[in-house]
Amino acid sequence: MFESITVGVKGKPEVLVLGAFAPDNAKDRPKLDKQTAQMDPSGLAAAAIGRAEFSGETGGIVEAYVGDPLKSGHTRVWIVGLGKKAGMNADNLRTAAGNIGRKLAACKCAGAQIDLIPLCTAAKIDATTAGRAFGEGLGLIGWVCDEFRGTGGKKPERRKLSVKSSSERFDGGMETGLGLAISSNITRTLSQTPPNIATTGYMAEQARKIARQCGLGFKIFEGDALKRERFEGLINVGKASENKPCMVRLEYTPKGSGGVKGGKPMVLVGKTMTYDTGGLSLKINNGMVGMKRDKDGGCAVIGAMHAIATVIKPRRRVVALLSIAENSISDEAYRPDDVITYRNGVTVEVTNTDAEGRLVLADALCWACEKEDPYGIVDLATLTGGVVVALGSTYCGMFCEDDRLRGKIERAAASAGERVWRLPMHQEYRDLMKSPVADILNSNANRKAHPIQGAAFLSYFVKDGIPWCHLDIAGVHVADANKGCWVDGPTGWGVRTLANLLDQD
């Protein structure tokens, strides 16, 4: 929607944005609080919220009728609803920002002043936290991906937008929120990129570009290096494609005396399947549509590393591992009945080549445990359709048996407005993956506990005692409606959660 969004407006912005709570009693009409009313000496905003179309519900907007520019210089006054005071939170601000952003784009406005501090104070939301949430919402709704539009249609006009408030802390929060949104939007653009462009080599090159821009360490394992390091999952899953598999390693190292340079790193692992045909276990019934997004776990990790390096700048080292492959079909393709032996000695009987994501993630988990001496491991993957059946598009499925790491991720996700729901991981589920031929199966024909099977499989590649969390994002990585701060398309789920996780260290 916007070419760019910055904090700080020169001169008087056209739009003044005020806020109003929904009344506790549905029979009552919304009213301006005392502090907001002082910003409305003309009474235009107070009159506007009395109109029937405005209820104060979250994200609802009513415009005051302004004939001539006000003494303040504003030519428009909008009042946005933030819901009931008792229930107001950061998500309300993200939703409000999304709707304000839409209206700013539709009206071709270049500048807006956001004065919501009185309501944030009344709801006991810190000004910095409020600004950060508003900045996230505005930045997320501002995402566009026009790269693949040609001469067959007209590209929409994109304008630059500047915003400010009357609070330095709110403005500082907006700066941070917009920065996190930029990182999330990098992820969304990578997700949107079609598979004939976003090949395995392309994804590796995008990771390299981010590394150069942000001062991250970069290393790639490909060709003979995959064999040398015994990345057997990548080798087998990717060997049918002309786009060869690889493992990419990124590293953030804190700068300055405050950083824990020599400390154990947090390791982020991303499933980066650039396309998934299902392999010889071919997807049917149009099941391949949208499989360009099977790389979204890795896309989120790339975006998170951008946020970590440019916005969060934590004191702890962070390592990212991207398992990049394309699951295709040829006479070289791996088969059901094949047995794969991993670098940690675990053997896997392949029963379904469409359960390939866990096979490439296993390589990264083995490497992380053996080579990185991790403080903790978090992997993100569009792993199972079962988690979508279980949780829909409301929650990400979370598997984590370490109380400390789980608590950190729950707090990080709550702060980002990205919901996680813990699912169980007991020995009974791990036993479901036992094979009569090898150690384990990659897929059990018994569909019991389907989303848990994927996590149970991965657990065989994580050493005991290492904190580990698996996030199955299959239900949350795409929005299917234009609502709040989202448009129909990729969400960049996980970028802000991972950034917030590292912000706790």
Protein backbone atom coordinates (compact mmCIF):
# COMPACT_ATOMS: atom_id res chain seq x y z
CA MET A 1 0.00 0.00 0.00
CA PHE A 2 2.88 2.37 0.75
CA GLU A 3 6.26 2.92 -0.82
CA SER A 4 7.67 3.64 2.64
CA ILE A 5 6.53 4.61 6.14
CA THR A 6 8.61 6.82 8.42
CA VAL A 7 8.18 8.39 11.85
CA GLY A 8 8.38 12.18 11.89
CA VAL A 9 6.24 14.61 9.88
CA LYS A 10 7.52 17.93 8.65
CA GLY A 11 4.89 20.62 9.07
CA LYS A 12 1.29 19.78 9.86
CA PRO A 13 0.00 16.36 8.76
CA GLU A 14 -3.33 16.31 6.95
CA VAL A 15 -4.90 13.79 9.31
CA LEU A 16 -5.36 13.83 13.06
CA VAL A 17 -6.24 10.41 14.47
CA LEU A 18 -7.96 10.26 17.85
CA GLY A 19 -9.36 7.27 19.69
CA ALA A 20 -12.51 6.28 21.55
CA PHE A 21 -13.51 3.31 23.67
CA ALA A 22 -16.64 1.30 23.11
CA PRO A 23 -19.11 1.87 25.97
CA ASP A 24 -19.51 -0.91 28.54
CA ASN A 25 -23.27 -0.79 28.01
CA ALA A 26 -24.27 -1.46 24.39
CA LYS A 27 -27.21 0.93 24.79
CA ASP A 28 -24.86 3.85 25.47
CA ARG A 29 -23.01 5.90 22.85
CA PRO A 30 -19.18 6.24 22.74
CA LYS A 31 -17.73 9.37 24.31
CA LEU A 32 -14.35 11.07 24.15
CA ASP A 33 -12.31 10.84 27.33
CA LYS A 34 -11.35 14.13 28.98
CA GLN A 35 -7.80 14.32 27.60
CA THR A 36 -8.86 13.49 24.05
CA ALA A 37 -11.68 16.02 24.28
CA GLN A 38 -9.06 18.70 24.95
CA MET A 39 -7.59 17.91 21.53
CA ASP A 40 -11.03 18.59 20.02
CA PRO A 41 -11.79 22.22 20.93
CA SER A 42 -14.09 22.58 17.93
CA GLY A 43 -16.25 19.64 19.11
CA LEU A 44 -16.12 18.03 15.65
CA ALA A 45 -14.80 14.69 16.92
CA ALA A 46 -17.32 14.57 19.76
CA ALA A 47 -20.12 15.12 17.26
CA ALA A 48 -18.76 12.49 14.90
CA ILE A 49 -18.67 9.65 17.43
CA GLY A 50 -22.29 10.30 18.21
CA ARG A 51 -23.28 9.15 14.74
CA ALA A 52 -25.00 5.80 14.46
CA GLU A 53 -22.34 4.15 12.30
CA PHE A 54 -19.70 4.39 15.05
CA SER A 55 -19.82 1.99 17.98
CA GLY A 56 -16.24 2.18 19.26
CA GLU A 57 -15.55 -1.41 18.28
CA THR A 58 -11.91 -2.19 17.53
CA GLY A 59 -10.81 -0.76 14.19
CA GLY A 60 -14.03 1.09 13.39
CA ILE A 61 -13.39 4.58 11.98
CA VAL A 62 -15.59 7.64 11.73
CA GLU A 63 -14.53 10.90 10.12
CA ALA A 64 -15.38 14.31 11.52
CA TYR A 65 -16.76 16.79 9.02
CA VAL A 66 -14.13 19.48 8.55
CA GLY A 67 -15.06 22.26 6.16
CA ASP A 68 -11.82 24.26 6.29
CA PRO A 69 -8.44 23.38 7.76
CA LEU A 70 -8.53 23.53 11.54
CA LYS A 71 -6.34 25.96 13.47
CA SER A 72 -4.08 22.99 14.09
CA GLY A 73 -3.58 22.66 10.32
CA HIS A 74 -5.30 19.28 10.00
CA THR A 75 -7.75 18.91 7.11
CA ARG A 76 -9.17 15.61 8.38
CA VAL A 77 -10.02 14.26 11.82
CA TRP A 78 -10.61 10.53 12.24
CA ILE A 79 -11.71 8.73 15.36
CA VAL A 80 -10.79 5.07 15.61
CA GLY A 81 -12.46 2.61 17.94
CA LEU A 82 -10.28 0.63 20.33
CA GLY A 83 -12.92 -1.62 21.87
CA LYS A 84 -13.86 -1.63 25.54
CA LYS A 85 -11.30 -0.19 27.93
CA ALA A 86 -11.19 -3.33 30.06
CA GLY A 87 -10.31 -5.50 27.06
CA MET A 88 -7.92 -3.18 25.23
CA ASN A 89 -4.51 -4.68 24.41
CA ALA A 90 -1.73 -4.43 21.83
CA ASP A 91 -3.74 -6.45 19.32
CA ASN A 92 -6.45 -3.76 19.34
CA LEU A 93 -3.80 -1.24 18.39
CA ARG A 94 -2.47 -3.42 15.55
CA THR A 95 -5.99 -3.82 14.18
CA ALA A 96 -6.68 -0.10 14.51
CA ALA A 97 -3.39 0.70 12.77
CA GLY A 98 -4.24 -1.66 9.91
CA ASN A 99 -7.58 0.02 9.31
CA ILE A 100 -6.08 3.49 9.64
CA GLY A 101 -3.40 2.50 7.12
CA ARG A 102 -6.02 1.34 4.62
CA LYS A 103 -7.88 4.62 4.93
CA LEU A 104 -4.71 6.69 4.65
CA ALA A 105 -3.81 4.86 1.44
CA ALA A 106 -7.34 5.22 0.03
CA CYS A 107 -7.35 8.97 0.76
CA LYS A 108 -3.79 9.37 -0.63
CA CYS A 109 -2.64 11.05 2.56
CA ALA A 110 1.06 11.70 3.11
CA GLY A 111 1.08 12.44 6.83
CA ALA A 112 -0.86 11.62 9.98
CA GLN A 113 -0.67 12.53 13.64
CA ILE A 114 -1.65 9.65 15.93
CA ASP A 115 -2.87 10.78 19.35
CA LEU A 116 -3.98 7.66 21.21
CA ILE A 117 -1.88 8.11 24.35
CA PRO A 118 -4.82 9.10 26.61
CA LEU A 119 -6.58 5.82 25.87
CA CYS A 120 -3.40 3.77 26.20
CA THR A 121 -2.75 5.37 29.58
CA ALA A 122 -6.33 4.67 30.69
CA ALA A 123 -5.94 1.03 29.63
CA LYS A 124 -2.55 0.84 31.42
CA ILE A 125 -0.59 0.13 28.24
CA ASP A 126 2.93 1.57 28.25
CA ALA A 127 3.46 4.25 25.59
CA THR A 128 6.45 2.47 24.05
CA THR A 129 4.57 -0.84 23.90
CA ALA A 130 1.55 0.92 22.39
CA GLY A 131 3.64 2.67 19.76
CA ARG A 132 5.43 -0.55 18.88
CA ALA A 133 2.13 -2.37 18.33
CA PHE A 134 0.72 0.50 16.27
CA GLY A 135 3.90 0.64 14.18
CA GLU A 136 3.75 -3.10 13.57
CA GLY A 137 0.14 -2.89 12.41
CA LEU A 138 0.81 0.06 10.12
CA GLY A 139 3.93 -1.55 8.66
CA LEU A 140 2.25 -4.92 8.12
CA ILE A 141 -0.73 -3.46 6.28
CA GLY A 142 1.71 -1.41 4.19
CA TRP A 143 3.24 -4.54 2.59
CA VAL A 144 3.04 -4.80 -1.18
CA CYS A 145 4.49 -7.30 -3.63
CA ASP A 146 4.23 -5.92 -7.17
CA GLU A 147 7.36 -7.57 -8.54
CA PHE A 148 5.45 -10.11 -10.58
CA ARG A 149 2.93 -7.79 -12.23
CA GLY A 150 3.57 -7.08 -15.91
CA THR A 151 2.06 -5.01 -18.69
CA GLY A 152 -1.29 -6.78 -18.52
CA GLY A 153 -2.52 -4.52 -15.73
CA LYS A 154 -1.84 -1.18 -14.08
CA LYS A 155 0.28 -1.15 -10.95
CA PRO A 156 -1.33 0.79 -8.09
CA GLU A 157 0.29 4.06 -7.14
CA ARG A 158 2.36 3.83 -3.98
CA ARG A 159 2.92 6.86 -1.76
CA LYS A 160 5.31 7.67 1.04
CA LEU A 161 3.69 8.04 4.45
CA SER A 162 4.96 9.85 7.54
CA VAL A 163 3.42 9.51 11.00
CA LYS A 164 4.04 11.05 14.40
CA SER A 165 2.41 11.44 17.78
CA SER A 166 2.66 13.89 20.67
CA SER A 167 4.70 11.36 22.70
CA GLU A 168 8.41 10.68 22.14
CA ARG A 169 8.01 7.23 23.68
CA PHE A 170 5.09 6.37 21.39
CA ASP A 171 7.14 7.58 18.41
CA GLY A 172 10.11 5.49 19.54
CA GLY A 173 7.84 2.47 19.81
CA MET A 174 6.49 3.11 16.32
CA GLU A 175 10.06 3.18 14.97
CA THR A 176 10.70 -0.26 16.48
CA GLY A 177 7.37 -1.62 15.30
CA LEU A 178 7.91 -0.41 11.76
CA GLY A 179 11.38 -1.98 11.80
CA LEU A 180 9.94 -5.35 12.84
CA ALA A 181 7.29 -5.02 10.14
CA ILE A 182 9.99 -4.45 7.52
CA SER A 183 11.60 -7.74 8.57
CA SER A 184 8.24 -9.51 8.48
CA ASN A 185 7.56 -8.08 5.03
CA ILE A 186 10.87 -9.46 3.76
CA THR A 187 9.57 -12.86 4.79
CA ARG A 188 6.21 -12.25 3.12
CA THR A 189 7.82 -11.25 -0.16
CA LEU A 190 10.00 -14.37 -0.13
CA SER A 191 6.90 -16.46 0.55
CA GLN A 192 5.05 -14.81 -2.33
CA THR A 193 7.89 -15.43 -4.79
CA PRO A 194 6.92 -18.21 -7.25
CA PRO A 195 8.90 -21.45 -7.43
CA ASN A 196 10.30 -20.86 -10.92
CA ILE A 197 12.09 -17.85 -9.42
CA ALA A 198 12.53 -18.89 -5.79
CA THR A 199 14.66 -21.93 -6.52
CA THR A 200 17.02 -23.44 -3.97
CA GLY A 201 19.86 -21.31 -5.32
CA TYR A 202 17.71 -18.18 -5.21
CA MET A 203 16.82 -18.74 -1.55
CA ALA A 204 20.45 -19.27 -0.65
CA GLU A 205 21.36 -16.06 -2.48
CA GLN A 206 18.63 -14.10 -0.66
CA ALA A 207 20.04 -15.32 2.65
CA ARG A 208 23.50 -14.22 1.46
CA LYS A 209 22.16 -10.74 0.58
CA ILE A 210 20.56 -10.33 4.00
CA ALA A 211 23.82 -11.43 5.58
CA ARG A 212 25.76 -8.77 3.64
CA GLN A 213 23.24 -6.05 4.45
CA CYS A 214 23.11 -6.86 8.16
CA GLY A 215 26.67 -7.97 8.90
CA LEU A 216 25.78 -11.62 9.49
CA GLY A 217 28.11 -14.55 9.00
CA PHE A 218 27.20 -16.71 6.01
CA LYS A 219 28.16 -20.26 5.04
CA ILE A 220 26.63 -22.66 2.55
CA PHE A 221 26.93 -26.44 2.30
CA GLU A 222 26.22 -27.77 -1.17
CA GLY A 223 27.40 -30.51 -3.52
CA ASP A 224 30.22 -32.55 -2.02
CA ALA A 225 29.95 -30.61 1.25
CA LEU A 226 26.50 -32.14 1.83
CA LYS A 227 28.03 -35.61 1.47
CA ARG A 228 30.99 -34.73 3.66
CA GLU A 229 28.71 -33.52 6.45
CA ARG A 230 26.30 -36.43 5.93
CA PHE A 231 23.22 -34.26 5.36
CA GLU A 232 21.36 -37.33 4.14
CA GLY A 233 17.85 -35.87 4.38
CA LEU A 234 18.70 -33.01 2.05
CA ILE A 235 20.62 -35.27 -0.32
CA ASN A 236 17.76 -37.75 -0.67
CA VAL A 237 14.81 -35.35 -0.74
CA GLY A 238 16.50 -32.97 -3.16
CA LYS A 239 18.20 -35.34 -5.59
CA ALA A 240 15.27 -35.57 -8.04
CA SER A 241 15.33 -31.83 -8.76
CA GLU A 242 17.63 -29.94 -11.10
CA ASN A 243 17.63 -27.27 -8.36
CA LYS A 244 20.08 -28.84 -5.97
CA PRO A 245 19.67 -28.85 -2.19
CA CYS A 246 21.84 -26.95 0.24
CA MET A 247 22.19 -26.04 3.90
CA VAL A 248 22.71 -22.37 4.74
CA ARG A 249 24.13 -21.17 8.05
CA LEU A 250 23.75 -17.55 9.20
CA GLU A 251 25.28 -16.17 12.38
CA TYR A 252 24.62 -13.00 14.34
CA THR A 253 27.40 -11.99 16.72
CA PRO A 254 26.77 -9.16 19.18
CA LYS A 255 29.06 -6.16 18.98
CA GLY A 256 30.61 -4.26 21.82
CA SER A 257 31.57 -5.19 25.36
CA GLY A 258 27.96 -5.88 26.37
CA GLY A 259 27.59 -8.85 24.04
CA VAL A 260 27.99 -12.47 25.08
CA LYS A 261 30.20 -13.30 22.11
CA GLY A 262 31.50 -16.58 23.45
CA GLY A 263 28.24 -17.75 24.99
CA LYS A 264 26.06 -20.54 23.71
CA PRO A 265 23.94 -19.44 20.74
CA MET A 266 20.22 -19.69 20.24
CA VAL A 267 19.74 -21.76 17.08
CA LEU A 268 16.83 -21.06 14.72
CA VAL A 269 16.00 -23.74 12.16
CA GLY A 270 13.76 -23.20 9.13
CA LYS A 271 12.22 -25.73 6.78
CA THR A 272 12.83 -24.22 3.34
CA MET A 273 11.16 -26.44 0.75
CA THR A 274 11.04 -24.24 -2.32
CA TYR A 275 8.38 -26.49 -3.83
CA ASP A 276 6.75 -29.72 -2.73
CA THR A 277 5.16 -31.96 -5.36
CA GLY A 278 4.97 -34.76 -2.83
CA GLY A 279 7.68 -36.61 -4.75
CA LEU A 280 6.74 -40.12 -5.86
CA SER A 281 3.92 -39.98 -3.28
CA LEU A 282 2.46 -37.35 -5.59
CA LYS A 283 -0.01 -34.79 -4.29
CA ILE A 284 -3.41 -35.12 -5.95
CA ASN A 285 -6.67 -33.14 -6.27
CA ASN A 286 -4.95 -29.79 -6.82
CA GLY A 287 -2.95 -30.41 -3.65
CA MET A 288 0.15 -28.76 -5.12
CA VAL A 289 -1.42 -25.30 -5.37
CA GLY A 290 0.26 -23.04 -2.85
CA MET A 291 3.24 -25.33 -2.30
CA LYS A 292 5.54 -22.41 -3.05
CA ARG A 293 4.83 -21.55 0.58
CA ASP A 294 6.35 -24.77 1.92
CA LYS A 295 9.46 -22.64 2.39
CA ASP A 296 7.78 -20.30 4.87
CA GLY A 297 9.56 -21.66 7.94
CA GLY A 298 12.88 -20.75 6.37
CA CYS A 299 11.52 -17.43 5.09
CA ALA A 300 10.51 -16.58 8.67
CA VAL A 301 13.97 -17.43 9.98
CA ILE A 302 15.58 -15.17 7.34
CA GLY A 303 13.23 -12.33 8.35
CA ALA A 304 13.92 -12.99 12.03
CA MET A 305 17.67 -12.77 11.47
CA HIS A 306 17.13 -9.43 9.72
CA ALA A 307 15.11 -8.18 12.71
CA ILE A 308 17.66 -9.52 15.19
CA ALA A 309 20.53 -7.78 13.41
CA THR A 310 18.81 -4.47 12.64
CA VAL A 311 16.22 -3.92 15.38
CA ILE A 312 16.70 -6.14 18.43
CA LYS A 313 20.51 -6.51 18.53
CA PRO A 314 20.52 -9.00 21.42
CA ARG A 315 23.53 -9.78 23.61
CA ARG A 316 23.41 -13.47 22.69
CA ARG A 317 24.80 -15.08 19.54
CA VAL A 318 22.16 -16.41 17.17
CA VAL A 319 22.69 -19.09 14.53
CA ALA A 320 20.18 -19.80 11.76
CA LEU A 321 20.12 -23.05 9.77
CA LEU A 322 18.09 -23.23 6.57
CA SER A 323 17.40 -26.68 5.11
CA ILE A 324 16.77 -25.81 1.45
CA ALA A 325 15.51 -28.32 -1.11
CA GLU A 326 12.87 -28.97 -3.77
CA ASN A 327 10.82 -32.17 -3.58
CA SER A 328 10.42 -33.19 -7.20
CA ILE A 329 10.10 -36.32 -9.39
CA SER A 330 12.61 -38.06 -11.64
CA ASP A 331 14.29 -41.44 -11.96
CA GLU A 332 16.66 -40.17 -9.27
CA ALA A 333 13.87 -39.55 -6.76
CA TYR A 334 13.98 -41.16 -3.35
CA ARG A 335 11.30 -43.81 -2.85
CA PRO A 336 8.96 -45.27 -0.29
CA ASP A 337 10.83 -48.25 1.26
CA ASP A 338 14.21 -46.47 1.12
CA VAL A 339 16.18 -46.36 4.38
CA ILE A 340 18.19 -43.22 5.24
CA THR A 341 20.96 -43.19 7.84
CA TYR A 342 21.55 -39.82 9.54
CA ARG A 343 24.75 -38.38 10.94
CA ASN A 344 23.62 -39.17 14.50
CA GLY A 345 23.16 -42.85 13.56
CA VAL A 346 19.34 -42.88 13.50
CA THR A 347 17.93 -44.82 10.55
CA VAL A 348 14.66 -43.85 8.88
CA GLU A 349 12.39 -45.99 6.73
CA VAL A 350 10.69 -43.82 4.13
CA THR A 351 7.00 -44.69 3.90
CA ASN A 352 5.78 -41.46 2.27
CA THR A 353 7.90 -39.09 0.18
CA ASP A 354 5.37 -36.33 0.89
CA ALA A 355 6.56 -36.27 4.51
CA GLU A 356 9.82 -34.73 3.35
CA GLY A 357 10.05 -31.62 5.52
CA ARG A 358 10.91 -33.57 8.64
CA LEU A 359 13.67 -35.37 6.73
CA VAL A 360 15.49 -32.15 5.85
CA LEU A 361 14.87 -30.60 9.27
CA ALA A 362 16.51 -33.65 10.86
CA ASP A 363 19.81 -32.71 9.20
CA ALA A 364 19.73 -29.23 10.73
CA LEU A 365 18.75 -30.52 14.17
CA CYS A 366 21.60 -33.05 14.14
CA TRP A 367 24.07 -30.34 13.12
CA ALA A 368 22.77 -27.89 15.73
CA CYS A 369 23.16 -30.42 18.54
CA GLU A 370 26.59 -31.69 17.46
CA LYS A 371 28.28 -28.54 16.18
CA GLU A 372 26.68 -25.46 17.72
CA ASP A 373 26.52 -26.29 21.47
CA PRO A 374 23.16 -24.49 21.55
CA TYR A 375 21.56 -22.57 24.39
CA GLY A 376 18.30 -23.72 22.79
CA ILE A 377 16.82 -24.67 19.43
CA VAL A 378 13.62 -23.40 17.84
CA ASP A 379 12.47 -24.78 14.50
CA LEU A 380 9.69 -23.43 12.30
CA ALA A 381 8.01 -25.51 9.63
CA THR A 382 4.86 -25.84 7.58
CA LEU A 383 4.98 -29.46 8.65
CA THR A 384 1.54 -31.06 8.85
CA GLY A 385 -1.99 -30.63 7.58
CA GLY A 386 -3.03 -32.22 10.85
CA VAL A 387 -2.19 -29.11 12.85
CA VAL A 388 -4.56 -27.13 10.61
CA VAL A 389 -7.33 -29.64 11.36
CA ALA A 390 -6.55 -29.40 15.08
CA LEU A 391 -6.05 -25.66 15.51
CA GLY A 392 -7.26 -24.02 12.30
CA SER A 393 -5.65 -20.71 11.45
CA THR A 394 -5.94 -19.32 14.97
CA TYR A 395 -3.00 -20.95 16.73
CA CYS A 396 0.42 -22.28 15.82
CA GLY A 397 1.05 -25.76 17.15
CA MET A 398 3.86 -25.64 19.74
CA PHE A 399 5.80 -28.66 20.98
CA CYS A 400 8.22 -27.89 23.80
CA GLU A 401 8.99 -29.96 26.88
CA ASP A 402 11.44 -27.46 28.38
CA ASP A 403 9.50 -25.23 30.78
CA ARG A 404 11.91 -22.29 30.61
CA LEU A 405 12.10 -22.14 26.82
CA ARG A 406 8.37 -22.71 26.48
CA GLY A 407 7.63 -19.82 28.84
CA LYS A 408 9.92 -17.52 26.86
CA ILE A 409 8.26 -18.44 23.57
CA GLU A 410 4.77 -18.01 25.01
CA ARG A 411 5.68 -14.51 26.23
CA ALA A 412 7.36 -13.64 22.93
CA ALA A 413 4.37 -14.84 20.91
CA ALA A 414 1.88 -13.03 23.15
CA SER A 415 3.83 -9.80 22.72
CA ALA A 416 3.76 -10.27 18.94
CA GLY A 417 0.06 -11.17 18.82
CA GLU A 418 1.05 -14.52 17.27
CA ARG A 419 -0.79 -17.22 19.18
CA VAL A 420 0.80 -20.54 20.13
CA TRP A 421 -0.92 -23.58 21.64
CA ARG A 422 1.03 -26.30 23.36
CA LEU A 423 0.44 -29.84 22.13
CA PRO A 424 1.69 -32.89 24.04
CA MET A 425 4.83 -34.90 23.41
CA HIS A 426 4.94 -38.19 25.29
CA GLN A 427 6.73 -41.47 24.68
CA GLU A 428 3.53 -43.02 23.31
CA TYR A 429 3.68 -40.60 20.40
CA ARG A 430 7.35 -41.32 19.79
CA ASP A 431 6.53 -45.02 19.77
CA LEU A 432 4.08 -44.40 16.92
CA MET A 433 7.10 -43.66 14.75
CA LYS A 434 8.90 -46.98 15.36
CA SER A 435 9.70 -48.95 12.19
CA PRO A 436 9.80 -52.76 11.75
CA VAL A 437 12.72 -52.28 9.34
CA ALA A 438 14.73 -49.27 10.55
CA ASP A 439 14.69 -47.24 13.76
CA ILE A 440 11.77 -45.02 12.82
CA LEU A 441 9.30 -44.27 10.02
CA ASN A 442 9.02 -40.87 8.42
CA SER A 443 5.21 -41.24 8.32
CA ASN A 444 2.83 -43.62 10.06
CA ALA A 445 -0.18 -44.70 8.00
CA ASN A 446 -2.14 -44.58 11.25
CA ARG A 447 -3.46 -41.00 11.29
CA LYS A 448 -3.81 -40.83 15.07
CA ALA A 449 -2.26 -37.67 16.51
CA HIS A 450 -1.14 -36.63 13.04
CA PRO A 451 0.40 -33.23 13.93
CA ILE A 452 2.19 -34.80 16.89
CA GLN A 453 3.74 -37.49 14.69
CA GLY A 454 5.84 -34.88 12.91
CA ALA A 455 7.17 -33.46 16.17
CA ALA A 456 7.73 -36.97 17.54
CA PHE A 457 9.84 -37.81 14.49
CA LEU A 458 11.98 -34.68 14.95
CA SER A 459 12.58 -35.49 18.61
CA TYR A 460 14.83 -38.38 17.58
CA PHE A 461 17.33 -35.86 16.23
CA VAL A 462 17.58 -33.63 19.30
CA LYS A 463 19.99 -34.63 22.06
CA ASP A 464 18.58 -35.10 25.55
CA GLY A 465 19.12 -32.06 27.71
CA ILE A 466 19.07 -29.49 24.91
CA PRO A 467 16.04 -27.15 25.16
CA TRP A 468 14.07 -27.47 21.93
CA CYS A 469 10.81 -26.11 20.57
CA HIS A 470 9.08 -27.15 17.35
CA LEU A 471 6.57 -24.66 15.90
CA ASP A 472 4.23 -26.06 13.24
CA ILE A 473 3.09 -22.96 11.34
CA ALA A 474 1.03 -24.75 8.66
CA GLY A 475 -2.20 -23.10 9.82
CA VAL A 476 -0.95 -19.58 10.46
CA HIS A 477 1.55 -18.68 7.73
CA VAL A 478 -1.16 -17.41 5.35
CA ALA A 479 -4.12 -15.09 5.92
CA ASP A 480 -7.21 -15.88 3.86
CA ALA A 481 -9.00 -12.56 4.35
CA ASN A 482 -8.32 -8.81 4.34
CA LYS A 483 -8.81 -8.01 8.00
CA GLY A 484 -7.09 -5.83 10.57
CA CYS A 485 -3.44 -5.44 9.67
CA TRP A 486 -3.49 -8.36 7.21
CA VAL A 487 -4.19 -8.75 3.53
CA ASP A 488 -4.98 -12.01 1.77
CA GLY A 489 -1.59 -13.71 1.52
CA PRO A 490 1.47 -14.58 3.60
CA THR A 491 1.67 -13.31 7.18
CA GLY A 492 5.37 -13.63 7.95
CA TRP A 493 4.33 -15.56 11.06
CA GLY A 494 7.20 -16.14 13.45
CA VAL A 495 9.46 -13.22 12.59
CA ARG A 496 8.26 -11.01 15.43
CA THR A 497 7.92 -13.93 17.86
CA LEU A 498 11.52 -14.99 17.26
CA ALA A 499 12.69 -11.37 17.50
CA ASN A 500 10.84 -10.97 20.79
CA LEU A 501 12.33 -14.25 22.04
CA LEU A 502 15.85 -12.92 21.54
CA ASP A 503 14.85 -9.54 22.99
CA GLN A 504 14.42 -11.32 26.34
CA ASP A 505 18.12 -12.19 26.60
